[in-house]
Structure formats: structure tokens, C-alpha cells
N, C-alpha and C. Protein backbone atom coordinates (compact mmCIF):
# COMPACT_ATOMS: atom_id res chain seq x y z
N UNK A 1 -23.29 -19.72 3.30
CA UNK A 1 -22.25 -19.54 2.29
C UNK A 1 -21.30 -18.41 2.70
N UNK A 2 -21.84 -17.29 3.14
CA UNK A 2 -21.05 -16.15 3.54
C UNK A 2 -20.17 -16.49 4.74
N UNK A 3 -20.69 -17.27 5.69
CA UNK A 3 -19.96 -17.68 6.88
C UNK A 3 -18.77 -18.57 6.51
N UNK A 4 -18.97 -19.48 5.55
CA UNK A 4 -17.89 -20.37 5.10
C UNK A 4 -16.78 -19.58 4.44
N UNK A 5 -17.12 -18.57 3.66
CA UNK A 5 -16.12 -17.75 2.98
C UNK A 5 -15.30 -16.96 4.00
N UNK A 6 -15.94 -16.46 5.02
CA UNK A 6 -15.23 -15.70 6.05
C UNK A 6 -14.28 -16.61 6.82
N UNK A 7 -14.75 -17.79 7.19
CA UNK A 7 -13.90 -18.74 7.92
C UNK A 7 -12.72 -19.17 7.05
N UNK A 8 -12.97 -19.45 5.78
CA UNK A 8 -11.90 -19.84 4.86
C UNK A 8 -10.87 -18.71 4.72
N UNK A 9 -11.34 -17.48 4.62
CA UNK A 9 -10.45 -16.33 4.50
C UNK A 9 -9.58 -16.19 5.75
N UNK A 10 -10.19 -16.39 6.91
CA UNK A 10 -9.42 -16.30 8.17
C UNK A 10 -8.33 -17.36 8.20
N UNK A 11 -8.65 -18.61 7.80
CA UNK A 11 -7.64 -19.68 7.79
C UNK A 11 -6.53 -19.39 6.78
N UNK A 12 -6.87 -18.83 5.64
CA UNK A 12 -5.86 -18.50 4.63
C UNK A 12 -4.93 -17.41 5.17
N UNK A 13 -5.49 -16.40 5.80
CA UNK A 13 -4.68 -15.32 6.36
C UNK A 13 -3.77 -15.86 7.46
N UNK A 14 -4.30 -16.69 8.34
CA UNK A 14 -3.48 -17.28 9.40
C UNK A 14 -2.37 -18.15 8.79
N UNK A 15 -2.70 -18.92 7.77
CA UNK A 15 -1.70 -19.75 7.10
C UNK A 15 -0.61 -18.91 6.46
N UNK A 16 -0.98 -17.76 5.90
CA UNK A 16 0.02 -16.89 5.26
C UNK A 16 0.96 -16.27 6.29
N UNK A 17 0.53 -16.19 7.52
CA UNK A 17 1.38 -15.62 8.58
C UNK A 17 2.16 -16.72 9.29
N UNK A 18 1.52 -17.81 9.61
CA UNK A 18 2.13 -18.86 10.43
C UNK A 18 3.20 -19.64 9.67
N UNK A 19 2.94 -20.07 8.46
CA UNK A 19 3.90 -20.91 7.73
C UNK A 19 5.23 -20.21 7.47
N UNK A 20 5.25 -18.97 6.96
CA UNK A 20 6.55 -18.32 6.79
C UNK A 20 7.28 -18.09 8.11
N UNK A 21 6.53 -17.82 9.17
CA UNK A 21 7.15 -17.60 10.48
C UNK A 21 7.81 -18.88 10.98
N UNK A 22 7.13 -19.99 10.86
CA UNK A 22 7.70 -21.28 11.27
C UNK A 22 8.94 -21.60 10.46
N UNK A 23 8.88 -21.36 9.16
CA UNK A 23 10.03 -21.63 8.29
C UNK A 23 11.22 -20.77 8.70
N UNK A 24 10.98 -19.48 8.95
CA UNK A 24 12.06 -18.58 9.34
C UNK A 24 12.68 -19.01 10.66
N UNK A 25 11.86 -19.40 11.62
CA UNK A 25 12.37 -19.87 12.91
C UNK A 25 13.23 -21.13 12.72
N UNK A 26 12.77 -22.05 11.87
CA UNK A 26 13.50 -23.29 11.60
C UNK A 26 14.87 -23.00 10.98
N UNK A 27 14.91 -22.14 9.98
CA UNK A 27 16.16 -21.81 9.30
C UNK A 27 17.11 -21.08 10.24
N UNK A 28 16.60 -20.14 11.01
CA UNK A 28 17.42 -19.40 11.96
C UNK A 28 18.00 -20.33 13.02
N UNK A 29 17.20 -21.24 13.51
CA UNK A 29 17.66 -22.21 14.51
C UNK A 29 18.80 -23.06 13.96
N UNK A 30 18.64 -23.57 12.75
CA UNK A 30 19.68 -24.39 12.14
C UNK A 30 20.97 -23.60 11.93
N UNK A 31 20.85 -22.35 11.49
CA UNK A 31 22.03 -21.51 11.30
C UNK A 31 22.73 -21.25 12.64
N UNK A 32 21.95 -21.05 13.69
CA UNK A 32 22.55 -20.82 15.01
C UNK A 32 23.27 -22.06 15.53
N UNK A 33 22.73 -23.25 15.25
CA UNK A 33 23.41 -24.48 15.66
C UNK A 33 24.78 -24.60 14.99
N UNK A 34 24.84 -24.26 13.72
CA UNK A 34 26.11 -24.33 12.99
C UNK A 34 27.07 -23.26 13.51
N UNK A 35 26.57 -22.07 13.83
CA UNK A 35 27.43 -21.01 14.36
C UNK A 35 28.07 -21.41 15.67
N UNK A 36 27.35 -22.14 16.51
CA UNK A 36 27.90 -22.59 17.79
C UNK A 36 29.11 -23.49 17.56
N UNK A 37 28.99 -24.42 16.63
CA UNK A 37 30.11 -25.32 16.32
C UNK A 37 31.28 -24.53 15.74
N UNK A 38 30.99 -23.60 14.84
CA UNK A 38 32.06 -22.81 14.23
C UNK A 38 32.77 -21.94 15.27
N UNK A 39 32.02 -21.35 16.19
CA UNK A 39 32.63 -20.51 17.21
C UNK A 39 33.50 -21.33 18.17
N UNK A 40 33.06 -22.53 18.50
CA UNK A 40 33.88 -23.41 19.35
C UNK A 40 35.18 -23.78 18.63
N UNK A 41 35.07 -24.10 17.34
CA UNK A 41 36.25 -24.43 16.54
C UNK A 41 37.20 -23.24 16.51
N UNK A 42 36.70 -22.05 16.25
CA UNK A 42 37.52 -20.85 16.19
C UNK A 42 38.17 -20.56 17.54
N UNK A 43 37.40 -20.66 18.60
CA UNK A 43 37.92 -20.39 19.94
C UNK A 43 39.07 -21.34 20.29
N UNK A 44 38.86 -22.62 20.08
CA UNK A 44 39.89 -23.60 20.43
C UNK A 44 41.11 -23.47 19.51
N UNK A 45 40.89 -23.15 18.25
CA UNK A 45 42.01 -22.96 17.32
C UNK A 45 42.85 -21.76 17.74
N UNK A 46 42.19 -20.68 18.15
CA UNK A 46 42.93 -19.51 18.63
C UNK A 46 43.72 -19.83 19.89
N UNK A 47 43.12 -20.58 20.81
CA UNK A 47 43.84 -20.98 22.03
C UNK A 47 45.08 -21.79 21.68
N UNK A 48 44.92 -22.74 20.78
CA UNK A 48 46.03 -23.61 20.39
C UNK A 48 47.14 -22.80 19.71
N UNK A 49 46.75 -21.90 18.80
CA UNK A 49 47.73 -21.09 18.07
C UNK A 49 48.45 -20.13 19.01
N UNK A 50 47.72 -19.49 19.91
CA UNK A 50 48.33 -18.54 20.84
C UNK A 50 49.24 -19.23 21.85
N UNK A 51 48.96 -20.48 22.18
CA UNK A 51 49.80 -21.24 23.11
C UNK A 51 50.99 -21.87 22.39
N UNK A 52 51.08 -21.65 21.08
CA UNK A 52 52.16 -22.18 20.23
C UNK A 52 52.13 -23.70 20.10
N UNK A 53 51.00 -24.32 20.45
CA UNK A 53 50.86 -25.77 20.24
C UNK A 53 50.54 -26.06 18.78
N UNK A 54 49.85 -25.14 18.13
CA UNK A 54 49.57 -25.24 16.69
C UNK A 54 50.48 -24.24 16.00
N UNK A 55 51.34 -24.73 15.13
CA UNK A 55 52.41 -23.90 14.56
C UNK A 55 51.94 -23.06 13.37
N UNK A 56 51.02 -23.60 12.55
CA UNK A 56 50.61 -22.91 11.32
C UNK A 56 49.39 -22.04 11.55
N UNK A 57 49.19 -21.07 10.64
CA UNK A 57 48.01 -20.22 10.70
C UNK A 57 46.75 -21.01 10.34
N UNK A 58 46.92 -22.09 9.58
CA UNK A 58 45.80 -22.95 9.24
C UNK A 58 45.81 -24.12 10.22
N UNK A 59 44.80 -24.14 11.09
CA UNK A 59 44.73 -25.16 12.15
C UNK A 59 43.67 -26.18 11.74
N UNK A 60 44.04 -27.46 11.83
CA UNK A 60 43.09 -28.52 11.49
C UNK A 60 42.46 -29.09 12.76
N UNK A 61 41.34 -29.76 12.56
CA UNK A 61 40.69 -30.43 13.69
C UNK A 61 41.61 -31.49 14.29
N UNK A 62 42.36 -32.16 13.43
CA UNK A 62 43.28 -33.21 13.91
C UNK A 62 44.28 -32.63 14.91
N UNK A 63 44.81 -31.45 14.62
CA UNK A 63 45.74 -30.81 15.55
C UNK A 63 45.06 -30.52 16.90
N UNK A 64 43.83 -30.06 16.83
CA UNK A 64 43.11 -29.74 18.07
C UNK A 64 42.80 -31.00 18.87
N UNK A 65 42.46 -32.08 18.16
CA UNK A 65 42.24 -33.35 18.85
C UNK A 65 43.54 -33.87 19.47
N UNK A 66 44.61 -33.83 18.69
CA UNK A 66 45.90 -34.35 19.16
C UNK A 66 46.43 -33.57 20.36
N UNK A 67 46.22 -32.25 20.36
CA UNK A 67 46.71 -31.41 21.46
C UNK A 67 45.70 -31.27 22.59
N UNK A 68 44.61 -32.04 22.51
CA UNK A 68 43.59 -32.09 23.57
C UNK A 68 42.86 -30.76 23.79
N UNK A 69 42.77 -29.94 22.75
CA UNK A 69 41.96 -28.72 22.86
C UNK A 69 40.49 -29.04 22.66
N UNK A 70 40.21 -30.04 21.87
CA UNK A 70 38.85 -30.54 21.70
C UNK A 70 38.88 -32.01 22.05
N UNK A 71 38.11 -32.40 23.04
CA UNK A 71 38.10 -33.78 23.51
C UNK A 71 37.10 -34.61 22.70
N UNK A 72 35.86 -34.18 22.66
CA UNK A 72 34.83 -34.90 21.90
C UNK A 72 34.87 -34.44 20.45
N UNK A 73 34.61 -35.36 19.55
CA UNK A 73 34.62 -35.01 18.13
C UNK A 73 33.53 -34.00 17.82
N UNK A 74 33.87 -33.03 16.96
CA UNK A 74 32.87 -32.06 16.54
C UNK A 74 31.88 -32.73 15.60
N UNK A 75 30.61 -32.48 15.83
CA UNK A 75 29.54 -33.12 15.09
C UNK A 75 28.71 -32.07 14.38
N UNK A 76 28.34 -32.36 13.14
CA UNK A 76 27.41 -31.50 12.41
C UNK A 76 26.06 -31.59 13.12
N UNK A 77 25.54 -30.48 13.64
CA UNK A 77 24.30 -30.55 14.41
C UNK A 77 23.07 -30.92 13.58
N UNK A 78 23.16 -30.77 12.27
CA UNK A 78 22.01 -31.06 11.42
C UNK A 78 21.99 -32.51 10.95
N UNK A 79 23.16 -33.03 10.55
CA UNK A 79 23.21 -34.39 10.02
C UNK A 79 23.68 -35.41 11.06
N UNK A 80 24.21 -34.92 12.19
CA UNK A 80 24.73 -35.77 13.27
C UNK A 80 25.95 -36.59 12.85
N UNK A 81 26.62 -36.17 11.78
CA UNK A 81 27.86 -36.83 11.34
C UNK A 81 29.05 -36.06 11.89
N UNK A 82 30.15 -36.79 12.12
CA UNK A 82 31.36 -36.13 12.59
C UNK A 82 31.99 -35.33 11.47
N UNK A 83 32.58 -34.19 11.84
CA UNK A 83 33.36 -33.42 10.87
C UNK A 83 34.69 -34.13 10.68
N UNK A 84 35.21 -34.10 9.47
CA UNK A 84 36.48 -34.76 9.16
C UNK A 84 37.64 -34.07 9.85
N UNK A 85 38.66 -34.85 10.16
CA UNK A 85 39.83 -34.31 10.84
C UNK A 85 40.62 -33.35 9.96
N UNK A 86 40.35 -33.36 8.65
CA UNK A 86 41.02 -32.42 7.75
C UNK A 86 40.27 -31.09 7.66
N UNK A 87 39.18 -30.95 8.41
CA UNK A 87 38.51 -29.64 8.49
C UNK A 87 39.50 -28.66 9.09
N UNK A 88 39.48 -27.42 8.60
CA UNK A 88 40.48 -26.48 9.05
C UNK A 88 39.91 -25.08 9.19
N UNK A 89 40.73 -24.23 9.81
CA UNK A 89 40.38 -22.83 9.99
C UNK A 89 41.65 -22.00 9.82
N UNK A 90 41.52 -20.90 9.12
CA UNK A 90 42.64 -19.98 8.97
C UNK A 90 42.52 -18.93 10.07
N UNK A 91 43.50 -18.89 10.94
CA UNK A 91 43.46 -18.00 12.10
C UNK A 91 43.44 -16.54 11.67
N UNK A 92 44.23 -16.18 10.67
CA UNK A 92 44.33 -14.77 10.25
C UNK A 92 43.06 -14.27 9.58
N UNK A 93 42.46 -15.08 8.69
CA UNK A 93 41.28 -14.63 7.96
C UNK A 93 39.98 -15.04 8.65
N UNK A 94 40.04 -16.05 9.51
CA UNK A 94 38.83 -16.54 10.17
C UNK A 94 38.00 -17.44 9.28
N UNK A 95 38.55 -17.83 8.12
CA UNK A 95 37.81 -18.67 7.18
C UNK A 95 37.77 -20.11 7.72
N UNK A 96 36.55 -20.62 7.84
CA UNK A 96 36.35 -21.95 8.39
C UNK A 96 35.94 -22.90 7.27
N UNK A 97 36.59 -24.07 7.23
CA UNK A 97 36.26 -25.08 6.24
C UNK A 97 35.93 -26.38 6.98
N UNK A 98 34.64 -26.56 7.29
CA UNK A 98 34.19 -27.77 7.99
C UNK A 98 33.76 -28.80 6.96
N UNK A 99 34.37 -29.97 7.01
CA UNK A 99 34.09 -31.03 6.05
C UNK A 99 33.39 -32.17 6.78
N UNK A 100 32.18 -32.47 6.33
CA UNK A 100 31.41 -33.57 6.97
C UNK A 100 31.85 -34.90 6.43
């Protein structure tokens, strides 16, 4: 009986450590995937705006596609759906509006 209680306690303690750690790694990984897409969008939008190919401070994905700054469509890494061409970024504020 005492041996079973000790083994059960060890499994409970391991579970209390492992499950939150796995969850945190999963959430952090997903957030990093989204950051990669956002940084690529910001980088290409800045290139387009600085080259005067994009005239407005609010740059849309459609403008980047049309001006060949982004060749492949941007994809939501979590849902695997394409972001809409009306997704935009404000160059001055850095506010990104990605629409799936």
C-alpha cells in the first residue's frame, strides 16, 4: 500500500511539471510562428514604402503581391489558410491587421 502511494505521488508530481511545460512550449511555438509571418509582412511593407512603390502609410497585402514584394501568398501557420489581400499594416505605427 505504501509503495503504491509513493509511486502515485511521483506520477502526480511529474504530471504537475510536465503538462504545464508542454502547454507553454506549444503556446510559445504558435506565437513564434505568427511573429515570423508578421515580421515578413512588416519587412516587405517597409521595403515597398521606402522604394515609393507603395504610396500610402497603410500598405495592403494586395499592393505587396502586385508589386512583387511577396511572391507566395502569406499563410496563417496555424490554420493553413491564406491571409486576405485586404490585410494591411500601418508603416508609421507598426499596427498589423492580418485577416484570415
